[in-house]
Amino acid sequence: MEDNAHLLPYARRPDFHVGRATELSGGGRLLYRILEILPGLASWTTLIGVVLLSIYRPFLAAYFIIAFSIFWVLKTAFLSYHLRHNWRRLRHHMSLDWQELINRFEYDHLHHLVIFPFYKEPQEVVEATLESLARINYNKEKLTVVLAVEERAGESALQIATKMSERFSKEFGGFEIVVHPANLPGEMAGKGSNVSYAIEEVRKKVIDPKKIPYEDIIVSNFDIDTVLYPDYFNCLVWHFLTAERPLKSSFQPVPLFNNNLWEAGALSRVVAMSSTFWEMVQQERPERMATFSSHSASFKALYEVNYWQRNMVSEDSRIYWNLMIANNGEYDVIPLSYPVSMDANVGDNLFDTVKNIYKQHRRWTYGVENFVYIGYHFTKNKNISFGKRVKVILQQAEGYWSLVTNPIMLFVLGWAPIFLGGRVFHETVLSYNLPIVVRNLLILAMFGLVISSIISLSLSPKRPTDSSRFAYVVMAVQWLLVPFTMIVFSALPGLDAQTRLMFGRYMGFWVTPKTRPKE
């Protein structure tokens, strides 16, 4: 947009939407580049340091590993505690009559802009999503649905969008198809550039002509496979109306990756539910939250920062940091503790599934680019309190560091002193007891998997009639795969992403394939 007078003062900075160091010059570029190097450098230094310590100071390495294993047990208990609490909160919220709750307020003035970015997903995926939206318990006349189609997806995508418009347009107050042109200057092909282009087109063609006040519009940015539960918008409106500062808040549901859970393999199910569990834990710690995947926010707030960034991979979480920094730290993420359903990542065979999950998690963990953005702007925006800046940057640094290093140190490098410690260390009692102590601590930590298994079963869709009851046993036992999935689908893609960023090998946006079983 040419006129930026509507932007918040800090959002008018030319470096506000910076995506990588190469977009800057001078001292700013140097600072941003140093910050891009730091996460990968910290992770590699830690992992290599444990190996070197095991070779040259095996006693010190052994005590460190024991202490770290104890820390991991305590951390697991802490996370399990939050997971159980959110599970109960989620079930409670799903049992409430949200329509009755919002009837206590005046909310007819609120309008909803529901955006679905759409690439090459098959028609059955788009159809299932819109069918769920058509079944919601809410006045659908207040909804304007936007199918944001990528031009680069070709004519077939536009044909699917047109079919969906013909079928569903009468269900809602408005139904718009916006085609995002390919190769616009300053953009990266991906979700951020698509939805930002779409929302601005809708502003000019629908919102402004109808003179709808920006503060009365709630925008929901949903992945195309997002299947909505009936009371989502009632729950969203209640939280919006009861929020301390609704125009300075984003609203985050719990993503349940269970649309195709019964068709997915054990590996895919464990990874999918683990991602759900992490988001559930974060819902109990809103001070550490950022937006993720499908989320909602005020149109006015989004307009004030020029919407989602068009030049980066992790736009879903970056929009929170854009809003928080532009509002001088005065911006919240409000957990809804109410679900939306999405797809577990699957491929045509085991190899494709492993490849797809790895690529998806590498894209997610490339969110480490947000650490760089935060660190850079925290040196610029002194209107954010010093205490908050320190707290946030340390939380983010620890999160990205532990994501990569903890699983590898626990399940791989925990045995390094035994193999690398030398003859003197091998002749000690500590050498004999180290594997026993570490094993027992890990077994203790693995008790948390029992809780995961129970919660996973409770959140699973109804078993299809053609599935055996024995599948429940498989879905319980599958959690033994967690040590493997933590390394292969968390630590390694995270290390891959951080290493790419460290060497300036910037990633593009990889679109996760979506499929539905043929009837």
Protein backbone atom coordinates (compact mmCIF):
# COMPACT_ATOMS: atom_id res chain seq x y z
CA MET A 1 0.00 0.00 0.00
CA GLU A 2 1.34 3.41 -0.92
CA ASP A 3 -0.24 5.41 1.90
CA ASN A 4 1.00 4.27 5.31
CA ALA A 5 -0.65 6.99 7.40
CA HIS A 6 -2.98 4.39 8.93
CA LEU A 7 -0.06 2.40 10.35
CA LEU A 8 1.03 2.62 13.96
CA PRO A 9 4.08 4.88 14.31
CA TYR A 10 6.59 2.09 14.86
CA ALA A 11 5.07 0.05 12.00
CA ARG A 12 6.00 2.85 9.58
CA ARG A 13 9.70 2.08 9.95
CA PRO A 14 11.18 0.81 6.69
CA ASP A 15 12.71 -2.15 8.56
CA PHE A 16 9.51 -3.10 10.42
CA HIS A 17 8.68 -5.98 8.06
CA VAL A 18 12.27 -7.14 7.62
CA GLY A 19 12.50 -10.84 6.82
CA ARG A 20 16.25 -11.45 6.56
CA ALA A 21 19.57 -9.66 6.88
CA THR A 22 19.97 -9.20 3.12
CA GLU A 23 17.05 -6.74 3.15
CA LEU A 24 19.00 -4.33 5.38
CA SER A 25 22.20 -2.36 5.00
CA GLY A 26 24.97 -1.00 7.21
CA GLY A 27 24.90 -1.62 10.95
CA GLY A 28 21.35 -2.95 10.85
CA ARG A 29 22.37 -5.66 8.43
CA LEU A 30 25.35 -6.64 10.57
CA LEU A 31 23.23 -6.83 13.73
CA TYR A 32 20.55 -8.90 12.00
CA ARG A 33 23.16 -11.24 10.54
CA ILE A 34 24.75 -11.81 13.96
CA LEU A 35 21.33 -12.64 15.39
CA GLU A 36 20.72 -15.09 12.54
CA ILE A 37 23.94 -16.90 13.46
CA LEU A 38 23.35 -17.09 17.22
CA PRO A 39 20.68 -19.87 17.51
CA GLY A 40 22.55 -22.36 15.33
CA LEU A 41 25.86 -21.46 16.94
CA ALA A 42 24.43 -22.03 20.43
CA SER A 43 22.92 -25.39 19.49
CA TRP A 44 26.01 -26.70 17.72
CA THR A 45 28.29 -25.44 20.51
CA THR A 46 26.20 -27.31 23.08
CA LEU A 47 26.13 -30.60 21.17
CA ILE A 48 29.80 -30.52 20.20
CA GLY A 49 30.64 -29.39 23.75
CA VAL A 50 28.99 -32.47 25.27
CA VAL A 51 31.01 -34.71 22.93
CA LEU A 52 34.29 -32.94 23.74
CA LEU A 53 33.49 -32.96 27.44
CA SER A 54 32.85 -36.72 27.24
CA ILE A 55 36.28 -37.22 25.69
CA TYR A 56 38.42 -34.89 27.79
CA ARG A 57 36.40 -34.47 31.02
CA PRO A 58 34.20 -37.60 31.19
CA PHE A 59 33.52 -37.24 34.93
CA LEU A 60 32.22 -33.71 34.46
CA ALA A 61 30.20 -34.83 31.42
CA ALA A 62 28.66 -37.71 33.41
CA TYR A 63 27.56 -35.45 36.26
CA PHE A 64 26.20 -32.94 33.76
CA ILE A 65 24.16 -35.65 32.01
CA ILE A 66 22.74 -36.93 35.31
CA ALA A 67 21.81 -33.39 36.35
CA PHE A 68 20.25 -32.76 32.95
CA SER A 69 18.25 -36.00 33.16
CA ILE A 70 16.87 -34.93 36.54
CA PHE A 71 15.97 -31.56 35.05
CA TRP A 72 14.19 -33.35 32.20
CA VAL A 73 12.11 -35.42 34.63
CA LEU A 74 11.03 -32.25 36.44
CA LYS A 75 10.31 -30.48 33.15
CA THR A 76 8.23 -33.42 31.93
CA ALA A 77 6.20 -33.37 35.14
CA PHE A 78 5.70 -29.61 34.77
CA LEU A 79 4.53 -29.92 31.16
CA SER A 80 2.28 -32.90 31.97
CA TYR A 81 0.65 -30.86 34.71
CA HIS A 82 -0.21 -28.08 32.24
CA LEU A 83 -1.36 -30.60 29.64
CA ARG A 84 -3.82 -32.21 32.07
CA HIS A 85 -5.16 -28.81 33.10
CA ASN A 86 -5.75 -27.71 29.53
CA TRP A 87 -7.34 -31.05 28.67
CA ARG A 88 -9.90 -30.49 31.43
CA ARG A 89 -10.38 -26.87 30.35
CA LEU A 90 -10.82 -27.95 26.71
CA ARG A 91 -13.46 -30.54 27.62
CA HIS A 92 -15.25 -28.02 29.81
CA HIS A 93 -15.28 -25.40 27.06
CA MET A 94 -16.64 -27.94 24.57
CA SER A 95 -19.50 -28.71 26.96
CA LEU A 96 -20.59 -25.08 27.42
CA ASP A 97 -23.51 -23.46 25.66
CA TRP A 98 -21.58 -20.56 24.17
CA GLN A 99 -24.65 -19.19 22.42
CA GLU A 100 -26.32 -18.68 25.79
CA LEU A 101 -23.17 -17.08 27.16
CA ILE A 102 -22.85 -14.48 24.41
CA ASN A 103 -26.56 -13.66 24.52
CA ARG A 104 -25.76 -11.65 27.64
CA PHE A 105 -23.93 -9.16 25.43
CA GLU A 106 -24.70 -6.97 22.43
CA TYR A 107 -22.75 -8.48 19.54
CA ASP A 108 -24.86 -7.93 16.42
CA HIS A 109 -22.44 -5.19 15.36
CA LEU A 110 -19.62 -7.69 14.93
CA HIS A 111 -18.67 -8.97 11.48
CA HIS A 112 -16.38 -11.90 10.68
CA LEU A 113 -13.93 -12.08 7.81
CA VAL A 114 -12.94 -15.75 7.38
CA ILE A 115 -9.94 -16.27 5.10
CA PHE A 116 -8.85 -19.63 3.66
CA PRO A 117 -5.54 -19.47 1.74
CA PHE A 118 -5.76 -22.05 -1.01
CA TYR A 119 -3.05 -23.56 -3.19
CA LYS A 120 -3.29 -26.98 -4.88
CA GLU A 121 -5.37 -28.78 -2.27
CA PRO A 122 -7.96 -31.21 -3.69
CA GLN A 123 -11.62 -30.28 -3.85
CA GLU A 124 -12.64 -32.68 -1.08
CA VAL A 125 -10.39 -30.83 1.40
CA VAL A 126 -11.87 -27.42 0.57
CA GLU A 127 -15.37 -28.87 0.54
CA ALA A 128 -15.04 -30.47 3.99
CA THR A 129 -13.81 -27.19 5.42
CA LEU A 130 -16.67 -25.13 4.00
CA GLU A 131 -19.23 -27.75 5.00
CA SER A 132 -18.06 -27.44 8.61
CA LEU A 133 -18.34 -23.65 8.37
CA ALA A 134 -21.88 -23.96 7.02
CA ARG A 135 -22.87 -26.03 10.08
CA ILE A 136 -21.75 -23.56 12.76
CA ASN A 137 -24.12 -22.34 15.47
CA TYR A 138 -23.83 -18.68 14.57
CA ASN A 139 -25.56 -16.11 12.37
CA LYS A 140 -23.80 -16.87 9.09
CA GLU A 141 -25.06 -13.60 7.59
CA LYS A 142 -22.32 -11.97 9.67
CA LEU A 143 -19.64 -14.02 7.92
CA THR A 144 -17.76 -13.06 4.78
CA VAL A 145 -15.81 -16.03 3.47
CA VAL A 146 -12.70 -15.44 1.37
CA LEU A 147 -11.03 -18.14 -0.72
CA ALA A 148 -7.53 -16.75 -1.31
CA VAL A 149 -6.38 -18.60 -4.42
CA GLU A 150 -2.80 -18.63 -5.67
CA GLU A 151 -2.44 -17.76 -9.35
CA ARG A 152 0.59 -20.05 -9.52
CA ALA A 153 -1.69 -22.99 -8.61
CA GLY A 154 -3.14 -22.83 -12.11
CA GLU A 155 -6.60 -22.91 -13.63
CA SER A 156 -7.68 -26.03 -11.71
CA ALA A 157 -7.49 -24.19 -8.37
CA LEU A 158 -9.66 -21.36 -9.68
CA GLN A 159 -12.17 -23.89 -11.00
CA ILE A 160 -12.43 -25.50 -7.56
CA ALA A 161 -12.88 -22.08 -5.94
CA THR A 162 -15.63 -21.24 -8.43
CA LYS A 163 -17.44 -24.52 -7.70
CA MET A 164 -17.24 -23.80 -3.97
CA SER A 165 -18.64 -20.32 -4.52
CA GLU A 166 -21.54 -21.70 -6.53
CA ARG A 167 -22.34 -24.20 -3.81
CA PHE A 168 -21.75 -22.21 -0.63
CA SER A 169 -22.13 -18.49 -1.42
CA LYS A 170 -25.79 -18.44 -0.36
CA GLU A 171 -24.84 -19.91 3.05
CA PHE A 172 -22.97 -16.77 4.17
CA GLY A 173 -23.32 -13.01 4.19
CA GLY A 174 -20.57 -12.77 1.61
CA PHE A 175 -18.33 -15.07 -0.42
CA GLU A 176 -15.26 -13.70 -2.21
CA ILE A 177 -12.65 -15.32 -4.42
CA VAL A 178 -9.37 -13.40 -4.55
CA VAL A 179 -6.59 -14.55 -6.87
CA HIS A 180 -3.12 -13.70 -5.58
CA PRO A 181 -0.85 -12.78 -8.54
CA ALA A 182 2.43 -14.64 -8.82
CA ASN A 183 5.83 -12.98 -8.45
CA LEU A 184 4.80 -9.66 -6.93
CA PRO A 185 7.84 -7.53 -5.94
CA GLY A 186 9.04 -7.97 -2.36
CA GLU A 187 7.00 -11.12 -1.76
CA MET A 188 7.81 -14.73 -0.96
CA ALA A 189 5.39 -17.27 -2.38
CA GLY A 190 3.48 -18.53 0.64
CA LYS A 191 0.60 -18.13 3.03
CA GLY A 192 1.57 -14.68 4.35
CA SER A 193 1.71 -12.97 0.97
CA ASN A 194 -1.50 -14.69 -0.14
CA VAL A 195 -3.69 -13.74 2.84
CA SER A 196 -2.30 -10.20 3.02
CA TYR A 197 -3.11 -9.58 -0.63
CA ALA A 198 -6.58 -11.08 -0.17
CA ILE A 199 -7.52 -9.08 2.92
CA GLU A 200 -6.48 -5.79 1.33
CA GLU A 201 -8.55 -6.58 -1.77
CA VAL A 202 -11.56 -7.35 0.42
CA ARG A 203 -11.03 -4.10 2.33
CA LYS A 204 -11.16 -2.07 -0.86
CA LYS A 205 -13.99 -3.99 -2.55
CA VAL A 206 -16.23 -4.99 0.38
CA ILE A 207 -15.41 -3.43 3.75
CA ASP A 208 -14.94 0.18 2.71
CA PRO A 209 -17.88 0.31 0.25
CA LYS A 210 -20.15 -1.11 2.98
CA LYS A 211 -18.63 1.32 5.52
CA ILE A 212 -18.10 -1.42 8.11
CA PRO A 213 -16.10 -0.03 11.05
CA TYR A 214 -12.72 -1.73 11.21
CA GLU A 215 -12.99 -2.24 14.98
CA ASP A 216 -16.19 -4.27 14.42
CA ILE A 217 -14.50 -6.87 12.21
CA ILE A 218 -12.86 -10.03 13.54
CA VAL A 219 -10.56 -11.73 11.04
CA SER A 220 -10.04 -15.50 11.21
CA ASN A 221 -7.10 -16.75 9.17
CA PHE A 222 -7.59 -20.52 8.76
CA ASP A 223 -5.53 -23.13 6.96
CA ILE A 224 -7.56 -24.67 4.15
CA ASP A 225 -7.93 -28.01 6.02
CA THR A 226 -9.39 -26.36 9.14
CA VAL A 227 -12.64 -28.06 10.12
CA LEU A 228 -14.58 -25.96 12.61
CA TYR A 229 -16.49 -27.14 15.65
CA PRO A 230 -20.04 -25.77 15.85
CA ASP A 231 -19.49 -23.20 18.60
CA TYR A 232 -16.15 -21.77 17.47
CA PHE A 233 -17.47 -18.30 16.62
CA ASN A 234 -19.65 -18.14 19.73
CA CYS A 235 -16.61 -18.99 21.84
CA LEU A 236 -14.48 -16.48 19.91
CA VAL A 237 -17.04 -13.69 20.33
CA TRP A 238 -17.35 -14.35 24.06
CA HIS A 239 -13.58 -14.06 24.51
CA PHE A 240 -13.48 -10.98 22.28
CA LEU A 241 -16.21 -9.22 24.27
CA THR A 242 -14.73 -10.12 27.66
CA ALA A 243 -11.09 -9.40 26.76
CA GLU A 244 -9.40 -6.54 28.61
CA ARG A 245 -8.30 -5.02 25.30
CA PRO A 246 -10.02 -6.90 22.44
CA LEU A 247 -8.56 -4.67 19.72
CA LYS A 248 -5.08 -5.43 21.03
CA SER A 249 -5.46 -9.20 21.26
CA SER A 250 -5.20 -12.27 19.05
CA PHE A 251 -7.29 -15.34 19.79
CA GLN A 252 -5.80 -18.80 19.53
CA PRO A 253 -7.77 -22.08 19.34
CA VAL A 254 -6.24 -25.50 20.01
CA PRO A 255 -5.27 -27.19 16.71
CA LEU A 256 -6.31 -30.85 16.80
CA PHE A 257 -4.56 -32.63 13.95
CA ASN A 258 -7.20 -35.34 13.81
CA ASN A 259 -9.23 -34.91 10.61
CA ASN A 260 -7.62 -38.02 9.15
CA LEU A 261 -6.26 -39.58 12.33
CA TRP A 262 -7.72 -43.04 11.72
CA GLU A 263 -6.34 -43.17 8.18
CA ALA A 264 -2.86 -42.00 9.27
CA GLY A 265 -0.10 -44.35 10.39
CA ALA A 266 1.22 -44.59 13.95
CA LEU A 267 4.21 -42.35 13.21
CA SER A 268 2.02 -39.62 11.77
CA ARG A 269 -0.47 -39.87 14.65
CA VAL A 270 2.19 -39.52 17.34
CA VAL A 271 3.76 -36.49 15.68
CA ALA A 272 0.36 -34.90 15.06
CA MET A 273 -0.90 -35.35 18.62
CA SER A 274 2.45 -34.24 20.05
CA SER A 275 2.03 -30.96 18.17
CA THR A 276 -1.47 -30.62 19.58
CA PHE A 277 -0.22 -31.34 23.10
CA TRP A 278 2.46 -28.66 22.84
CA GLU A 279 -0.15 -26.09 21.85
CA MET A 280 -2.35 -27.23 24.74
CA VAL A 281 0.54 -26.72 27.16
CA GLN A 282 1.12 -23.25 25.73
CA GLN A 283 -2.55 -22.37 26.28
CA GLU A 284 -1.87 -22.69 30.01
CA ARG A 285 1.09 -20.29 29.67
CA PRO A 286 -0.37 -17.42 27.62
CA GLU A 287 2.54 -15.15 28.56
CA ARG A 288 4.73 -17.42 26.38
CA MET A 289 2.27 -17.80 23.51
CA ALA A 290 2.42 -16.56 19.97
CA THR A 291 -0.19 -17.19 17.31
CA PHE A 292 0.10 -20.47 15.41
CA SER A 293 -1.52 -21.72 12.22
CA SER A 294 -5.27 -20.91 12.42
CA HIS A 295 -6.00 -17.86 14.59
CA SER A 296 -8.23 -14.77 14.86
CA ALA A 297 -7.64 -11.06 15.48
CA SER A 298 -9.23 -7.64 15.07
CA PHE A 299 -9.15 -6.25 11.53
CA LYS A 300 -8.20 -2.86 12.96
CA ALA A 301 -5.12 -4.32 14.66
CA LEU A 302 -4.04 -6.12 11.47
CA TYR A 303 -4.62 -3.03 9.33
CA GLU A 304 -2.42 -0.97 11.65
CA VAL A 305 0.61 -3.17 10.89
CA ASN A 306 -0.15 -3.83 7.20
CA TYR A 307 -1.32 -7.41 7.82
CA TRP A 308 0.84 -10.53 7.69
CA GLN A 309 4.39 -10.35 6.42
CA ARG A 310 4.78 -11.20 2.76
CA ASN A 311 8.50 -12.02 2.79
CA MET A 312 8.98 -14.88 5.25
CA VAL A 313 8.10 -18.46 6.16
CA SER A 314 6.56 -18.31 9.66
CA GLU A 315 3.98 -15.60 9.08
CA ASP A 316 1.48 -17.17 11.51
CA SER A 317 3.63 -16.46 14.57
CA ARG A 318 5.36 -13.38 13.09
CA ILE A 319 2.07 -11.48 12.99
CA TYR A 320 1.94 -11.65 16.80
CA TRP A 321 5.45 -10.24 17.10
CA ASN A 322 4.61 -7.54 14.54
CA LEU A 323 1.59 -6.54 16.63
CA MET A 324 3.35 -6.79 19.97
CA ILE A 325 6.33 -4.68 18.89
CA ALA A 326 4.23 -2.11 17.00
CA ASN A 327 2.03 -1.71 20.09
CA ASN A 328 5.08 -1.19 22.35
CA GLY A 329 4.60 -4.52 24.12
CA GLU A 330 0.91 -3.94 24.84
CA TYR A 331 -0.58 -6.82 22.89
CA ASP A 332 -1.91 -10.20 24.05
CA VAL A 333 -2.62 -13.70 22.82
CA ILE A 334 -5.78 -15.03 24.43
CA PRO A 335 -6.09 -18.84 24.52
CA LEU A 336 -9.57 -20.07 23.62
CA SER A 337 -9.06 -23.63 24.90
CA TYR A 338 -11.50 -24.60 22.18
CA PRO A 339 -10.47 -26.76 19.21
CA VAL A 340 -10.33 -26.60 15.47
CA SER A 341 -9.54 -29.80 13.57
CA MET A 342 -6.80 -30.06 10.98
CA ASP A 343 -5.02 -32.81 9.04
CA ALA A 344 -2.29 -35.07 10.32
CA ASN A 345 0.59 -35.09 7.87
CA VAL A 346 0.56 -38.23 5.72
CA GLY A 347 2.08 -39.36 2.45
CA ASP A 348 1.36 -42.08 -0.09
CA ASN A 349 3.72 -44.45 1.74
CA LEU A 350 5.96 -44.53 4.81
CA PHE A 351 8.87 -42.84 3.05
CA ASP A 352 6.67 -39.99 1.80
CA THR A 353 5.12 -39.61 5.24
CA VAL A 354 8.53 -39.33 6.92
CA LYS A 355 9.68 -36.86 4.25
CA ASN A 356 6.54 -34.73 4.54
CA ILE A 357 6.60 -34.63 8.34
CA TYR A 358 10.27 -33.70 8.33
CA LYS A 359 9.71 -30.86 5.83
CA GLN A 360 6.68 -29.57 7.72
CA HIS A 361 8.54 -29.51 11.03
CA ARG A 362 11.57 -27.92 9.43
CA ARG A 363 9.26 -25.15 8.22
CA TRP A 364 7.71 -24.83 11.68
CA THR A 365 11.08 -24.78 13.46
CA TYR A 366 12.30 -22.19 10.96
CA GLY A 367 10.21 -19.98 13.21
CA VAL A 368 13.59 -19.34 14.83
CA GLU A 369 13.67 -16.43 12.35
CA ASN A 370 11.27 -14.76 14.79
CA PHE A 371 13.96 -14.81 17.49
CA VAL A 372 16.11 -12.76 15.12
CA TYR A 373 13.29 -10.32 14.38
CA ILE A 374 12.48 -9.90 18.08
CA GLY A 375 16.10 -9.40 19.08
CA TYR A 376 16.63 -6.83 16.34
CA HIS A 377 13.55 -4.74 17.14
CA PHE A 378 14.06 -4.99 20.89
CA THR A 379 17.24 -2.98 20.34
CA LYS A 380 15.21 -0.36 18.44
CA ASN A 381 11.89 0.01 20.27
CA LYS A 382 12.77 1.32 23.73
CA ASN A 383 9.07 1.98 24.46
CA ILE A 384 8.78 -1.68 25.40
CA SER A 385 9.84 -2.06 29.02
CA PHE A 386 13.37 -3.34 29.54
CA GLY A 387 12.14 -6.11 31.83
CA LYS A 388 9.70 -7.41 29.23
CA ARG A 389 12.31 -7.31 26.49
CA VAL A 390 14.77 -9.34 28.58
CA LYS A 391 12.12 -11.84 29.66
CA VAL A 392 10.78 -12.43 26.16
CA ILE A 393 14.16 -12.76 24.46
CA LEU A 394 15.41 -15.23 27.09
CA GLN A 395 12.22 -17.30 26.80
CA GLN A 396 12.56 -17.43 23.04
CA ALA A 397 16.26 -18.26 23.16
CA GLU A 398 15.71 -21.09 25.65
CA GLY A 399 12.79 -22.46 23.64
CA TYR A 400 14.67 -22.74 20.35
CA TRP A 401 17.82 -24.02 22.08
CA SER A 402 16.03 -26.75 24.05
CA LEU A 403 13.97 -27.79 21.01
CA VAL A 404 17.15 -28.85 19.24
CA THR A 405 19.53 -29.88 22.02
CA ASN A 406 17.41 -31.59 24.67
CA PRO A 407 16.23 -34.67 22.73
CA ILE A 408 19.72 -35.31 21.31
CA MET A 409 21.41 -34.92 24.70
CA LEU A 410 18.86 -37.21 26.35
CA PHE A 411 18.61 -40.07 23.90
CA VAL A 412 21.95 -39.95 22.06
CA LEU A 413 24.67 -37.98 23.83
CA GLY A 414 23.57 -39.19 27.26
CA TRP A 415 25.69 -42.28 26.63
CA ALA A 416 28.70 -40.42 25.20
CA PRO A 417 30.94 -40.67 28.33
CA ILE A 418 30.54 -44.47 28.27
CA PHE A 419 31.86 -44.73 24.71
CA LEU A 420 34.27 -41.79 24.69
CA GLY A 421 35.45 -41.51 28.28
CA GLY A 422 38.60 -43.64 28.09
CA ARG A 423 40.02 -46.44 30.27
CA VAL A 424 40.35 -44.45 33.50
CA PHE A 425 36.71 -43.42 33.46
CA HIS A 426 35.54 -46.94 32.52
CA GLU A 427 37.16 -48.36 35.66
CA THR A 428 35.10 -46.15 38.00
CA VAL A 429 31.82 -46.77 39.80
CA LEU A 430 30.40 -43.68 38.09
CA SER A 431 30.98 -45.28 34.68
CA TYR A 432 29.06 -48.37 35.79
CA ASN A 433 26.17 -46.44 37.34
CA LEU A 434 25.76 -43.72 34.69
CA PRO A 435 23.68 -45.77 32.20
CA ILE A 436 21.58 -47.21 35.04
CA VAL A 437 20.83 -43.81 36.53
CA VAL A 438 20.07 -42.20 33.16
CA ARG A 439 17.90 -45.15 32.09
CA ASN A 440 15.88 -45.06 35.32
CA LEU A 441 15.37 -41.31 35.06
CA LEU A 442 14.22 -41.60 31.46
CA ILE A 443 11.80 -44.40 32.39
CA LEU A 444 10.42 -42.14 35.10
CA ALA A 445 10.01 -39.33 32.58
CA MET A 446 8.32 -41.71 30.15
CA PHE A 447 5.43 -42.18 32.59
CA GLY A 448 4.15 -38.93 31.11
CA LEU A 449 3.43 -40.94 27.97
CA VAL A 450 0.64 -42.74 29.82
CA ILE A 451 -1.09 -39.39 30.26
CA SER A 452 -0.44 -38.58 26.59
CA SER A 453 -1.98 -41.87 25.54
CA ILE A 454 -5.14 -41.32 27.59
CA ILE A 455 -5.61 -37.75 26.37
CA SER A 456 -4.88 -38.75 22.77
CA LEU A 457 -7.60 -41.40 22.83
CA SER A 458 -10.10 -38.96 24.34
CA LEU A 459 -9.46 -36.41 21.57
CA SER A 460 -9.61 -38.89 18.71
CA PRO A 461 -12.60 -38.84 16.34
CA LYS A 462 -15.12 -41.65 16.53
CA ARG A 463 -13.68 -44.93 15.29
CA PRO A 464 -14.78 -45.74 11.72
CA THR A 465 -16.91 -48.86 11.42
CA ASP A 466 -14.32 -50.53 9.18
CA SER A 467 -11.58 -50.15 11.82
CA SER A 468 -10.93 -52.91 14.35
CA ARG A 469 -11.24 -52.26 18.08
CA PHE A 470 -7.62 -53.42 18.26
CA ALA A 471 -6.74 -50.03 16.74
CA TYR A 472 -7.28 -48.51 20.19
CA VAL A 473 -4.48 -50.71 21.54
CA VAL A 474 -2.21 -49.60 18.73
CA MET A 475 -3.06 -45.95 19.40
CA ALA A 476 -2.09 -46.42 23.05
CA VAL A 477 1.16 -48.32 22.44
CA GLN A 478 2.25 -46.00 19.61
CA TRP A 479 3.49 -43.47 22.18
CA LEU A 480 6.60 -45.60 22.65
CA LEU A 481 7.73 -43.97 19.39
CA VAL A 482 8.14 -40.61 21.15
CA PRO A 483 11.95 -40.81 21.69
CA PHE A 484 12.34 -41.48 17.96
CA THR A 485 9.92 -38.74 16.87
CA MET A 486 11.49 -36.19 19.23
CA ILE A 487 14.86 -36.65 17.56
CA VAL A 488 13.85 -37.20 13.92
CA PHE A 489 10.92 -34.74 13.75
CA SER A 490 11.87 -32.14 16.34
CA ALA A 491 15.58 -31.92 17.04
CA LEU A 492 16.94 -32.72 13.56
CA PRO A 493 14.62 -30.47 11.52
CA GLY A 494 15.17 -27.75 14.13
CA LEU A 495 18.94 -28.12 13.82
CA ASP A 496 18.57 -28.16 10.03
CA ALA A 497 16.55 -24.91 10.12
CA GLN A 498 18.94 -23.16 12.51
CA THR A 499 21.97 -24.26 10.48
CA ARG A 500 20.44 -22.96 7.25
CA LEU A 501 19.72 -19.63 8.93
CA MET A 502 23.21 -19.54 10.44
CA PHE A 503 24.84 -19.85 7.00
CA GLY A 504 22.35 -17.55 5.28
CA ARG A 505 20.76 -20.34 3.26
CA TYR A 506 17.28 -18.92 3.67
CA MET A 507 14.27 -21.19 3.29
CA GLY A 508 11.16 -20.65 1.22
CA PHE A 509 7.62 -21.63 2.14
CA TRP A 510 6.91 -25.36 1.72
CA VAL A 511 3.20 -26.21 1.35
CA THR A 512 2.16 -29.32 3.27
CA PRO A 513 0.28 -31.71 0.94
CA LYS A 514 -3.36 -32.32 1.92
CA THR A 515 -5.27 -35.45 0.96
CA ARG A 516 -8.54 -37.16 1.77
CA PRO A 517 -9.29 -40.86 1.38
CA LYS A 518 -11.39 -41.56 -1.68
CA GLU A 519 -14.90 -42.81 -0.93
